[in-house]
PDB file of N, CA and C in Angstrom:
ATOM      1  N   UNK A   1     -23.856  14.023  45.045  1.00  0.00           N
ATOM      2  CA  UNK A   1     -24.717  13.466  44.300  1.00  0.00           C
ATOM      3  C   UNK A   1     -26.232  13.489  44.379  1.00  0.00           C
ATOM      4  N   UNK A   2     -27.398  13.753  43.797  1.00  0.00           N
ATOM      5  CA  UNK A   2     -28.709  13.642  44.273  1.00  0.00           C
ATOM      6  C   UNK A   2     -29.041  12.484  44.527  1.00  0.00           C
ATOM      7  N   UNK A   3     -30.051  12.147  45.161  1.00  0.00           N
ATOM      8  CA  UNK A   3     -30.595  11.004  44.954  1.00  0.00           C
ATOM      9  C   UNK A   3     -31.357  10.390  43.721  1.00  0.00           C
ATOM     10  N   UNK A   4     -31.197   9.246  43.570  1.00  0.00           N
ATOM     11  CA  UNK A   4     -31.783   8.745  42.257  1.00  0.00           C
ATOM     12  C   UNK A   4     -33.094   7.703  42.570  1.00  0.00           C
ATOM     13  N   UNK A   5     -34.243   8.033  41.952  1.00  0.00           N
ATOM     14  CA  UNK A   5     -35.388   7.519  41.971  1.00  0.00           C
ATOM     15  C   UNK A   5     -35.807   7.082  40.767  1.00  0.00           C
ATOM     16  N   UNK A   6     -35.393   5.965  40.297  1.00  0.00           N
ATOM     17  CA  UNK A   6     -35.963   5.151  39.073  1.00  0.00           C
ATOM     18  C   UNK A   6     -36.495   4.026  39.107  1.00  0.00           C
ATOM     19  N   UNK A   7     -37.302   3.668  38.315  1.00  0.00           N
ATOM     20  CA  UNK A   7     -38.017   2.349  38.312  1.00  0.00           C
ATOM     21  C   UNK A   7     -37.903   1.684  36.957  1.00  0.00           C
ATOM     22  N   UNK A   8     -38.237   0.554  36.663  1.00  0.00           N
ATOM     23  CA  UNK A   8     -37.848   0.064  35.196  1.00  0.00           C
ATOM     24  C   UNK A   8     -38.564   0.775  34.231  1.00  0.00           C
ATOM     25  N   UNK A   9     -40.172   1.375  34.476  1.00  0.00           N
ATOM     26  CA  UNK A   9     -40.855   1.882  33.859  1.00  0.00           C
ATOM     27  C   UNK A   9     -40.354   3.263  33.258  1.00  0.00           C
ATOM     28  N   UNK A  10     -39.921   3.991  34.566  1.00  0.00           N
ATOM     29  CA  UNK A  10     -39.374   5.341  34.207  1.00  0.00           C
ATOM     30  C   UNK A  10     -38.362   5.203  33.330  1.00  0.00           C
ATOM     31  N   UNK A  11     -37.442   4.321  33.696  1.00  0.00           N
ATOM     32  CA  UNK A  11     -36.065   4.196  33.071  1.00  0.00           C
ATOM     33  C   UNK A  11     -36.411   3.945  31.348  1.00  0.00           C
ATOM     34  N   UNK A  12     -37.277   3.050  31.005  1.00  0.00           N
ATOM     35  CA  UNK A  12     -37.569   2.781  29.753  1.00  0.00           C
ATOM     36  C   UNK A  12     -38.511   3.910  29.088  1.00  0.00           C
ATOM     37  N   UNK A  13     -38.947   5.039  29.685  1.00  0.00           N
ATOM     38  CA  UNK A  13     -39.654   6.019  29.050  1.00  0.00           C
ATOM     39  C   UNK A  13     -38.578   6.814  28.682  1.00  0.00           C
ATOM     40  N   UNK A  14     -37.448   6.974  29.700  1.00  0.00           N
ATOM     41  CA  UNK A  14     -36.393   7.929  29.240  1.00  0.00           C
ATOM     42  C   UNK A  14     -35.612   7.625  28.195  1.00  0.00           C
ATOM     43  N   UNK A  15     -35.322   6.029  27.930  1.00  0.00           N
ATOM     44  CA  UNK A  15     -34.620   5.677  26.875  1.00  0.00           C
ATOM     45  C   UNK A  15     -35.342   5.675  25.477  1.00  0.00           C
ATOM     46  N   UNK A  16     -36.566   5.823  25.572  1.00  0.00           N
ATOM     47  CA  UNK A  16     -37.467   5.737  24.499  1.00  0.00           C
ATOM     48  C   UNK A  16     -37.980   7.345  24.074  1.00  0.00           C
ATOM     49  N   UNK A  17     -37.159   8.323  24.883  1.00  0.00           N
ATOM     50  CA  UNK A  17     -37.552   9.858  24.646  1.00  0.00           C
ATOM     51  C   UNK A  17     -36.480  10.335  23.880  1.00  0.00           C
ATOM     52  N   UNK A  18     -36.902  11.011  22.645  1.00  0.00           N
ATOM     53  CA  UNK A  18     -35.738  11.700  21.804  1.00  0.00           C
ATOM     54  C   UNK A  18     -35.103  12.564  22.575  1.00  0.00           C
ATOM     55  N   UNK A  19     -36.081  13.330  23.298  1.00  0.00           N
ATOM     56  CA  UNK A  19     -35.757  14.538  24.251  1.00  0.00           C
ATOM     57  C   UNK A  19     -34.845  14.601  25.276  1.00  0.00           C
ATOM     58  N   UNK A  20     -34.471  13.070  25.722  1.00  0.00           N
ATOM     59  CA  UNK A  20     -33.737  12.865  26.863  1.00  0.00           C
ATOM     60  C   UNK A  20     -32.354  13.091  26.861  1.00  0.00           C
ATOM     61  N   UNK A  21     -31.778  13.834  27.758  1.00  0.00           N
ATOM     62  CA  UNK A  21     -30.396  14.176  27.596  1.00  0.00           C
ATOM     63  C   UNK A  21     -29.585  13.044  27.614  1.00  0.00           C
ATOM     64  N   UNK A  22     -28.257  13.299  27.294  1.00  0.00           N
ATOM     65  CA  UNK A  22     -27.310  11.966  27.452  1.00  0.00           C
ATOM     66  C   UNK A  22     -27.085  11.458  28.965  1.00  0.00           C
ATOM     67  N   UNK A  23     -27.260  12.397  29.706  1.00  0.00           N
ATOM     68  CA  UNK A  23     -26.802  12.064  31.333  1.00  0.00           C
ATOM     69  C   UNK A  23     -28.201  11.183  31.648  1.00  0.00           C
ATOM     70  N   UNK A  24     -29.102  11.487  31.412  1.00  0.00           N
ATOM     71  CA  UNK A  24     -30.581  10.702  31.747  1.00  0.00           C
ATOM     72  C   UNK A  24     -30.557   9.412  31.207  1.00  0.00           C
ATOM     73  N   UNK A  25     -30.030   9.424  29.659  1.00  0.00           N
ATOM     74  CA  UNK A  25     -30.072   8.258  29.072  1.00  0.00           C
ATOM     75  C   UNK A  25     -29.395   7.242  29.565  1.00  0.00           C
ATOM     76  N   UNK A  26     -28.014   7.579  29.906  1.00  0.00           N
ATOM     77  CA  UNK A  26     -27.041   6.662  30.417  1.00  0.00           C
ATOM     78  C   UNK A  26     -27.425   6.177  31.849  1.00  0.00           C
ATOM     79  N   UNK A  27     -27.831   6.988  32.737  1.00  0.00           N
ATOM     80  CA  UNK A  27     -28.430   6.487  33.987  1.00  0.00           C
ATOM     81  C   UNK A  27     -29.582   5.482  33.773  1.00  0.00           C
ATOM     82  N   UNK A  28     -30.542   5.734  32.790  1.00  0.00           N
ATOM     83  CA  UNK A  28     -31.615   4.952  32.817  1.00  0.00           C
ATOM     84  C   UNK A  28     -31.293   3.678  32.159  1.00  0.00           C
ATOM     85  N   UNK A  29     -29.995   3.499  31.283  1.00  0.00           N
ATOM     86  CA  UNK A  29     -29.703   2.355  30.484  1.00  0.00           C
ATOM     87  C   UNK A  29     -29.339   1.433  31.716  1.00  0.00           C
ATOM     88  N   UNK A  30     -28.329   1.970  32.689  1.00  0.00           N
ATOM     89  CA  UNK A  30     -27.877   1.226  33.662  1.00  0.00           C
ATOM     90  C   UNK A  30     -28.806   0.909  34.657  1.00  0.00           C
ATOM     91  N   UNK A  31     -29.788   1.720  34.961  1.00  0.00           N
ATOM     92  CA  UNK A  31     -30.907   1.167  35.884  1.00  0.00           C
ATOM     93  C   UNK A  31     -31.528   0.001  35.081  1.00  0.00           C
ATOM     94  N   UNK A  32     -32.050   0.111  33.751  1.00  0.00           N
ATOM     95  CA  UNK A  32     -32.585  -1.007  33.083  1.00  0.00           C
ATOM     96  C   UNK A  32     -31.673  -2.405  33.223  1.00  0.00           C
ATOM     97  N   UNK A  33     -30.424  -2.262  33.025  1.00  0.00           N
ATOM     98  CA  UNK A  33     -29.444  -3.453  33.110  1.00  0.00           C
ATOM     99  C   UNK A  33     -29.645  -3.789  34.751  1.00  0.00           C
ATOM    100  N   UNK A  34     -29.714  -2.935  35.771  1.00  0.00           N
ATOM    101  CA  UNK A  34     -29.705  -3.353  37.075  1.00  0.00           C
ATOM    102  C   UNK A  34     -31.050  -4.051  37.221  1.00  0.00           C
ATOM    103  N   UNK A  35     -32.055  -3.568  36.835  1.00  0.00           N
ATOM    104  CA  UNK A  35     -33.337  -4.201  37.039  1.00  0.00           C
ATOM    105  C   UNK A  35     -33.492  -5.597  36.400  1.00  0.00           C
ATOM    106  N   UNK A  36     -32.931  -5.713  35.265  1.00  0.00           N
ATOM    107  CA  UNK A  36     -33.007  -6.935  34.671  1.00  0.00           C
ATOM    108  C   UNK A  36     -32.423  -8.018  35.152  1.00  0.00           C
ATOM    109  N   UNK A  37     -30.992  -7.669  35.776  1.00  0.00           N
ATOM    110  CA  UNK A  37     -30.147  -8.533  36.226  1.00  0.00           C
ATOM    111  C   UNK A  37     -30.606  -9.156  37.583  1.00  0.00           C
ATOM    112  N   UNK A  38     -31.308  -7.947  38.378  1.00  0.00           N
ATOM    113  CA  UNK A  38     -31.841  -8.472  39.624  1.00  0.00           C
ATOM    114  C   UNK A  38     -33.079  -9.667  39.566  1.00  0.00           C
ATOM    115  N   UNK A  39     -33.620  -9.481  38.579  1.00  0.00           N
ATOM    116  CA  UNK A  39     -34.797 -10.409  38.234  1.00  0.00           C
ATOM    117  C   UNK A  39     -34.548 -11.503  37.381  1.00  0.00           C
ATOM    118  N   UNK A  40     -33.267 -11.496  36.963  1.00  0.00           N
ATOM    119  CA  UNK A  40     -33.104 -12.886  35.975  1.00  0.00           C
ATOM    120  C   UNK A  40     -31.590 -13.403  36.177  1.00  0.00           C
ATOM    121  N   UNK A  41     -30.841 -12.742  37.163  1.00  0.00           N
ATOM    122  CA  UNK A  41     -29.646 -13.218  37.162  1.00  0.00           C
ATOM    123  C   UNK A  41     -29.464 -14.693  37.439  1.00  0.00           C
ATOM    124  N   UNK A  42     -30.440 -15.095  38.338  1.00  0.00           N
ATOM    125  CA  UNK A  42     -30.415 -16.736  38.966  1.00  0.00           C
ATOM    126  C   UNK A  42     -30.753 -17.531  37.639  1.00  0.00           C
ATOM    127  N   UNK A  43     -31.375 -17.060  36.478  1.00  0.00           N
ATOM    128  CA  UNK A  43     -31.820 -17.876  35.538  1.00  0.00           C
ATOM    129  C   UNK A  43     -30.722 -18.007  34.307  1.00  0.00           C
ATOM    130  N   UNK A  44     -29.807 -17.300  34.314  1.00  0.00           N
ATOM    131  CA  UNK A  44     -28.991 -17.351  33.161  1.00  0.00           C
ATOM    132  C   UNK A  44     -27.906 -18.502  32.929  1.00  0.00           C
ATOM    133  N   UNK A  45     -27.770 -18.742  31.503  1.00  0.00           N
ATOM    134  CA  UNK A  45     -26.862 -20.178  31.252  1.00  0.00           C
ATOM    135  C   UNK A  45     -25.347 -19.497  31.148  1.00  0.00           C
ATOM    136  N   UNK A  46     -24.608 -20.069  31.216  1.00  0.00           N
ATOM    137  CA  UNK A  46     -22.992 -19.581  31.580  1.00  0.00           C
ATOM    138  C   UNK A  46     -22.555 -18.668  30.309  1.00  0.00           C
ATOM    139  N   UNK A  47     -22.920 -18.813  29.125  1.00  0.00           N
ATOM    140  CA  UNK A  47     -22.806 -17.800  28.060  1.00  0.00           C
ATOM    141  C   UNK A  47     -23.456 -16.553  28.005  1.00  0.00           C
ATOM    142  N   UNK A  48     -24.545 -16.436  28.408  1.00  0.00           N
ATOM    143  CA  UNK A  48     -25.280 -15.502  28.720  1.00  0.00           C
ATOM    144  C   UNK A  48     -24.522 -14.641  29.785  1.00  0.00           C
ATOM    145  N   UNK A  49     -24.482 -15.192  30.937  1.00  0.00           N
ATOM    146  CA  UNK A  49     -23.780 -14.700  32.022  1.00  0.00           C
ATOM    147  C   UNK A  49     -22.403 -14.169  31.746  1.00  0.00           C
ATOM    148  N   UNK A  50     -21.619 -14.526  30.803  1.00  0.00           N
ATOM    149  CA  UNK A  50     -20.469 -14.327  30.466  1.00  0.00           C
ATOM    150  C   UNK A  50     -20.422 -12.716  29.342  1.00  0.00           C
ATOM    151  N   UNK A  51     -21.340 -13.029  28.613  1.00  0.00           N
ATOM    152  CA  UNK A  51     -21.759 -11.741  27.643  1.00  0.00           C
ATOM    153  C   UNK A  51     -22.205 -10.620  28.615  1.00  0.00           C
ATOM    154  N   UNK A  52     -22.972 -10.857  29.527  1.00  0.00           N
ATOM    155  CA  UNK A  52     -23.650  -9.894  30.338  1.00  0.00           C
ATOM    156  C   UNK A  52     -22.416  -9.188  30.979  1.00  0.00           C
ATOM    157  N   UNK A  53     -21.753 -10.032  31.619  1.00  0.00           N
ATOM    158  CA  UNK A  53     -20.435  -9.449  32.558  1.00  0.00           C
ATOM    159  C   UNK A  53     -19.424  -8.688  31.587  1.00  0.00           C
ATOM    160  N   UNK A  54     -19.276  -9.357  30.265  1.00  0.00           N
ATOM    161  CA  UNK A  54     -18.355  -8.421  29.397  1.00  0.00           C
ATOM    162  C   UNK A  54     -19.046  -7.046  28.967  1.00  0.00           C
ATOM    163  N   UNK A  55     -20.195  -6.940  28.687  1.00  0.00           N
ATOM    164  CA  UNK A  55     -21.071  -5.620  28.402  1.00  0.00           C
ATOM    165  C   UNK A  55     -21.103  -4.902  29.733  1.00  0.00           C
ATOM    166  N   UNK A  56     -21.320  -5.282  30.887  1.00  0.00           N
ATOM    167  CA  UNK A  56     -20.935  -4.647  32.204  1.00  0.00           C
ATOM    168  C   UNK A  56     -19.418  -4.036  32.113  1.00  0.00           C
ATOM    169  N   UNK A  57     -18.568  -4.645  31.804  1.00  0.00           N
ATOM    170  CA  UNK A  57     -17.117  -4.280  31.938  1.00  0.00           C
ATOM    171  C   UNK A  57     -16.743  -3.329  30.890  1.00  0.00           C
ATOM    172  N   UNK A  58     -17.534  -3.342  29.770  1.00  0.00           N
ATOM    173  CA  UNK A  58     -17.263  -2.313  28.609  1.00  0.00           C
ATOM    174  C   UNK A  58     -17.857  -1.088  28.785  1.00  0.00           C
ATOM    175  N   UNK A  59     -19.001  -1.264  29.312  1.00  0.00           N
ATOM    176  CA  UNK A  59     -19.738  -0.106  29.824  1.00  0.00           C
ATOM    177  C   UNK A  59     -18.970   0.904  30.798  1.00  0.00           C
ATOM    178  N   UNK A  60     -18.307   0.154  31.890  1.00  0.00           N
ATOM    179  CA  UNK A  60     -17.731   0.729  32.992  1.00  0.00           C
ATOM    180  C   UNK A  60     -16.223   1.119  32.308  1.00  0.00           C
ATOM    181  N   UNK A  61     -15.616   0.521  31.422  1.00  0.00           N
ATOM    182  CA  UNK A  61     -14.531   1.021  30.853  1.00  0.00           C
ATOM    183  C   UNK A  61     -14.814   2.034  29.893  1.00  0.00           C
ATOM    184  N   UNK A  62     -15.807   2.329  29.175  1.00  0.00           N
ATOM    185  CA  UNK A  62     -16.096   3.530  28.207  1.00  0.00           C
ATOM    186  C   UNK A  62     -16.369   4.826  29.082  1.00  0.00           C
ATOM    187  N   UNK A  63     -16.796   4.526  30.343  1.00  0.00           N
ATOM    188  CA  UNK A  63     -17.219   5.563  31.254  1.00  0.00           C
ATOM    189  C   UNK A  63     -16.205   6.114  31.690  1.00  0.00           C
ATOM    190  N   UNK A  64     -15.119   5.342  32.170  1.00  0.00           N
ATOM    191  CA  UNK A  64     -13.814   5.699  32.494  1.00  0.00           C
ATOM    192  C   UNK A  64     -12.867   6.215  31.537  1.00  0.00           C
ATOM    193  N   UNK A  65     -12.706   5.846  30.379  1.00  0.00           N
ATOM    194  CA  UNK A  65     -12.116   6.201  29.290  1.00  0.00           C
ATOM    195  C   UNK A  65     -12.720   7.669  29.237  1.00  0.00           C
ATOM    196  N   UNK A  66     -13.876   7.936  28.812  1.00  0.00           N
ATOM    197  CA  UNK A  66     -14.556   9.193  28.727  1.00  0.00           C
ATOM    198  C   UNK A  66     -14.213  10.305  29.544  1.00  0.00           C
ATOM    199  N   UNK A  67     -14.295   9.874  30.656  1.00  0.00           N
ATOM    200  CA  UNK A  67     -13.795  10.761  31.967  1.00  0.00           C
ATOM    201  C   UNK A  67     -12.558  10.979  32.155  1.00  0.00           C
ATOM    202  N   UNK A  68     -11.654  10.183  31.532  1.00  0.00           N
ATOM    203  CA  UNK A  68     -10.153  10.531  31.562  1.00  0.00           C
ATOM    204  C   UNK A  68      -9.893  11.331  30.460  1.00  0.00           C
ATOM    205  N   UNK A  69     -10.414  11.413  29.135  1.00  0.00           N
ATOM    206  CA  UNK A  69     -10.465  12.255  28.217  1.00  0.00           C
ATOM    207  C   UNK A  69     -10.879  13.371  28.339  1.00  0.00           C
ATOM    208  N   UNK A  70     -12.069  13.554  29.052  1.00  0.00           N
ATOM    209  CA  UNK A  70     -12.543  14.859  29.373  1.00  0.00           C
ATOM    210  C   UNK A  70     -11.505  15.793  30.687  1.00  0.00           C
ATOM    211  N   UNK A  71     -10.949  14.889  31.254  1.00  0.00           N
ATOM    212  CA  UNK A  71     -10.004  15.441  32.280  1.00  0.00           C
ATOM    213  C   UNK A  71      -8.611  15.857  31.905  1.00  0.00           C
ATOM    214  N   UNK A  72      -8.339  15.455  30.566  1.00  0.00           N
ATOM    215  CA  UNK A  72      -7.212  15.709  30.014  1.00  0.00           C
ATOM    216  C   UNK A  72      -5.949  14.690  30.617  1.00  0.00           C
TER     217      UNK A  72
END
């Protein structure tokens, strides 16, 4: 796997681009999640923390499910 060099601005630019590939969009979306979590994790109330964790698990599960389907 190649080295990934993304920042929040690059990630948002990719997400807002109608020409971005699905691969680029997924990486950019997870990068934005990471940057937001690093910046705000210590400020979250319990409900927001639980929702963020659920979305994180749902995203990981969807990636795993899609990979399993692709591999038969």
